[in-house]
Amino acid sequence: MSEIYVRTALSRRGGLPLPVASPDTSLGVRLAVGSTATTSSALTAGLYYIGNSVACYLAIGQNPTATTGATNLPLFGPATFTIAIKSGHKISVIRDATDGYLWIVPARSS
């Protein structure tokens, strides 16, 4: 019997399934998003869920400081997405217009 591959949004090249991860909320952190940049502590390498409650800007690196400038990653309105982080890197955040929160939650294999 031949194999059947289905290409979907949850498949990678060749129809192979993508690994599934779930948030490990016991290790997550919440940063206050305000008019001055707030920066996380150094993170371990891995996949992270990022959630924001307000429009804001992110800077990611070894010693980042978020600004509302063009070189920062803008997040518009409440959203959740995943991002890979290198070991020792930090996430810095600053608001666009209103105060809120940014959640950084590591993902674990399901």
C-alpha atoms as a PDB file:
ATOM      1  CA  MET A   1       0.000   0.000   0.000  1.00  0.00           C
ATOM      2  CA  SER A   2       1.384   3.436  -0.912  1.00  0.00           C
ATOM      3  CA  GLU A   3       1.648   6.289   1.519  1.00  0.00           C
ATOM      4  CA  ILE A   4      -0.570   9.360   1.227  1.00  0.00           C
ATOM      5  CA  TYR A   5       0.692  12.802   2.198  1.00  0.00           C
ATOM      6  CA  VAL A   6      -1.673  15.685   2.802  1.00  0.00           C
ATOM      7  CA  ARG A   7      -0.427  19.250   2.557  1.00  0.00           C
ATOM      8  CA  THR A   8      -2.110  21.569   5.011  1.00  0.00           C
ATOM      9  CA  ALA A   9      -1.205  24.633   7.018  1.00  0.00           C
ATOM     10  CA  LEU A  10       0.077  22.185   9.647  1.00  0.00           C
ATOM     11  CA  SER A  11       2.390  20.297   7.283  1.00  0.00           C
ATOM     12  CA  ARG A  12       5.899  20.949   6.129  1.00  0.00           C
ATOM     13  CA  ARG A  13       7.505  20.126   2.793  1.00  0.00           C
ATOM     14  CA  GLY A  14       6.643  16.635   1.620  1.00  0.00           C
ATOM     15  CA  GLY A  15       3.466  16.516   3.714  1.00  0.00           C
ATOM     16  CA  LEU A  16       5.356  15.643   6.891  1.00  0.00           C
ATOM     17  CA  PRO A  17       3.533  16.758  10.040  1.00  0.00           C
ATOM     18  CA  LEU A  18       4.907  19.661  12.014  1.00  0.00           C
ATOM     19  CA  PRO A  19       5.860  18.976  15.611  1.00  0.00           C
ATOM     20  CA  VAL A  20       3.200  20.078  18.050  1.00  0.00           C
ATOM     21  CA  ALA A  21       4.051  22.153  21.102  1.00  0.00           C
ATOM     22  CA  SER A  22       1.983  23.364  24.001  1.00  0.00           C
ATOM     23  CA  PRO A  23       2.591  26.274  26.371  1.00  0.00           C
ATOM     24  CA  ASP A  24       4.297  25.540  29.684  1.00  0.00           C
ATOM     25  CA  THR A  25       2.477  28.192  31.717  1.00  0.00           C
ATOM     26  CA  SER A  26       4.237  27.185  34.931  1.00  0.00           C
ATOM     27  CA  LEU A  27       7.432  28.776  33.525  1.00  0.00           C
ATOM     28  CA  GLY A  28       5.910  31.825  31.823  1.00  0.00           C
ATOM     29  CA  VAL A  29       6.586  35.430  32.740  1.00  0.00           C
ATOM     30  CA  ARG A  30       4.491  38.580  32.383  1.00  0.00           C
ATOM     31  CA  LEU A  31       6.105  41.919  31.604  1.00  0.00           C
ATOM     32  CA  ALA A  32       4.408  45.258  32.156  1.00  0.00           C
ATOM     33  CA  VAL A  33       4.129  47.213  28.908  1.00  0.00           C
ATOM     34  CA  GLY A  34       4.425  50.955  29.476  1.00  0.00           C
ATOM     35  CA  SER A  35       5.956  54.192  28.254  1.00  0.00           C
ATOM     36  CA  THR A  36       9.493  52.999  29.124  1.00  0.00           C
ATOM     37  CA  ALA A  37      11.033  49.770  27.890  1.00  0.00           C
ATOM     38  CA  THR A  38      10.814  46.669  30.091  1.00  0.00           C
ATOM     39  CA  THR A  39      13.217  43.784  29.443  1.00  0.00           C
ATOM     40  CA  SER A  40      12.972  40.111  30.373  1.00  0.00           C
ATOM     41  CA  SER A  41      15.760  38.168  32.000  1.00  0.00           C
ATOM     42  CA  ALA A  42      17.936  35.994  29.742  1.00  0.00           C
ATOM     43  CA  LEU A  43      15.976  33.134  28.171  1.00  0.00           C
ATOM     44  CA  THR A  44      17.068  29.616  27.329  1.00  0.00           C
ATOM     45  CA  ALA A  45      17.084  28.611  23.674  1.00  0.00           C
ATOM     46  CA  GLY A  46      13.762  27.352  22.439  1.00  0.00           C
ATOM     47  CA  LEU A  47      10.316  28.097  21.139  1.00  0.00           C
ATOM     48  CA  TYR A  48       8.196  30.635  23.036  1.00  0.00           C
ATOM     49  CA  TYR A  49       4.609  31.781  22.886  1.00  0.00           C
ATOM     50  CA  ILE A  50       4.367  35.572  22.959  1.00  0.00           C
ATOM     51  CA  GLY A  51       1.070  37.200  23.884  1.00  0.00           C
ATOM     52  CA  ASN A  52       0.329  40.898  24.103  1.00  0.00           C
ATOM     53  CA  SER A  53      -2.705  42.703  25.488  1.00  0.00           C
ATOM     54  CA  VAL A  54      -1.996  46.027  23.729  1.00  0.00           C
ATOM     55  CA  ALA A  55      -0.212  47.332  20.658  1.00  0.00           C
ATOM     56  CA  CYS A  56       3.523  47.409  21.395  1.00  0.00           C
ATOM     57  CA  TYR A  57       7.027  47.042  19.957  1.00  0.00           C
ATOM     58  CA  LEU A  58       9.556  44.270  20.662  1.00  0.00           C
ATOM     59  CA  ALA A  59      13.332  44.150  20.498  1.00  0.00           C
ATOM     60  CA  ILE A  60      15.059  40.776  20.871  1.00  0.00           C
ATOM     61  CA  GLY A  61      18.768  40.190  21.478  1.00  0.00           C
ATOM     62  CA  GLN A  62      21.495  39.891  24.095  1.00  0.00           C
ATOM     63  CA  ASN A  63      20.928  43.389  25.481  1.00  0.00           C
ATOM     64  CA  PRO A  64      17.871  44.868  23.728  1.00  0.00           C
ATOM     65  CA  THR A  65      15.998  48.082  24.463  1.00  0.00           C
ATOM     66  CA  ALA A  66      12.657  48.412  22.708  1.00  0.00           C
ATOM     67  CA  THR A  67      11.717  51.669  21.030  1.00  0.00           C
ATOM     68  CA  THR A  68       8.886  52.696  18.764  1.00  0.00           C
ATOM     69  CA  GLY A  69      11.396  52.932  15.917  1.00  0.00           C
ATOM     70  CA  ALA A  70      11.409  51.123  12.601  1.00  0.00           C
ATOM     71  CA  THR A  71      13.957  48.493  13.693  1.00  0.00           C
ATOM     72  CA  ASN A  72      11.648  46.972  16.333  1.00  0.00           C
ATOM     73  CA  LEU A  73       8.953  44.354  15.763  1.00  0.00           C
ATOM     74  CA  PRO A  74       5.499  45.969  15.962  1.00  0.00           C
ATOM     75  CA  LEU A  75       2.636  43.987  17.495  1.00  0.00           C
ATOM     76  CA  PHE A  76      -0.772  45.433  16.739  1.00  0.00           C
ATOM     77  CA  GLY A  77      -3.543  44.864  19.246  1.00  0.00           C
ATOM     78  CA  PRO A  78      -3.944  41.681  21.274  1.00  0.00           C
ATOM     79  CA  ALA A  79      -2.244  38.718  19.598  1.00  0.00           C
ATOM     80  CA  THR A  80      -0.440  35.458  20.303  1.00  0.00           C
ATOM     81  CA  PHE A  81       2.353  33.978  18.197  1.00  0.00           C
ATOM     82  CA  THR A  82       5.386  31.720  18.544  1.00  0.00           C
ATOM     83  CA  ILE A  83       9.010  32.665  18.087  1.00  0.00           C
ATOM     84  CA  ALA A  84      12.357  30.881  18.402  1.00  0.00           C
ATOM     85  CA  ILE A  85      14.766  32.503  20.852  1.00  0.00           C
ATOM     86  CA  LYS A  86      18.534  31.960  21.050  1.00  0.00           C
ATOM     87  CA  SER A  87      20.128  31.093  24.379  1.00  0.00           C
ATOM     88  CA  GLY A  88      20.888  34.149  26.484  1.00  0.00           C
ATOM     89  CA  HIS A  89      18.681  36.476  24.463  1.00  0.00           C
ATOM     90  CA  LYS A  90      16.127  38.751  26.105  1.00  0.00           C
ATOM     91  CA  ILE A  91      12.883  40.367  24.983  1.00  0.00           C
ATOM     92  CA  SER A  92      12.324  44.079  25.527  1.00  0.00           C
ATOM     93  CA  VAL A  93       8.910  45.709  25.072  1.00  0.00           C
ATOM     94  CA  ILE A  94       7.462  49.226  24.980  1.00  0.00           C
ATOM     95  CA  ARG A  95       3.868  50.339  24.424  1.00  0.00           C
ATOM     96  CA  ASP A  96       2.474  52.025  21.363  1.00  0.00           C
ATOM     97  CA  ALA A  97      -0.259  54.080  23.071  1.00  0.00           C
ATOM     98  CA  THR A  98      -1.689  52.346  26.163  1.00  0.00           C
ATOM     99  CA  ASP A  99      -0.268  50.291  29.017  1.00  0.00           C
ATOM    100  CA  GLY A 100      -0.774  46.544  29.146  1.00  0.00           C
ATOM    101  CA  TYR A 101       1.097  43.251  29.418  1.00  0.00           C
ATOM    102  CA  LEU A 102       3.332  40.941  27.394  1.00  0.00           C
ATOM    103  CA  TRP A 103       3.450  37.232  28.230  1.00  0.00           C
ATOM    104  CA  ILE A 104       6.491  35.095  27.409  1.00  0.00           C
ATOM    105  CA  VAL A 105       5.697  31.404  27.785  1.00  0.00           C
ATOM    106  CA  PRO A 106       8.039  28.557  26.801  1.00  0.00           C
ATOM    107  CA  ALA A 107       6.628  25.832  24.584  1.00  0.00           C
ATOM    108  CA  ARG A 108       7.178  22.159  25.297  1.00  0.00           C
ATOM    109  CA  SER A 109       6.767  19.156  23.026  1.00  0.00           C
ATOM    110  CA  SER A 110       3.392  17.509  23.281  1.00  0.00           C
END
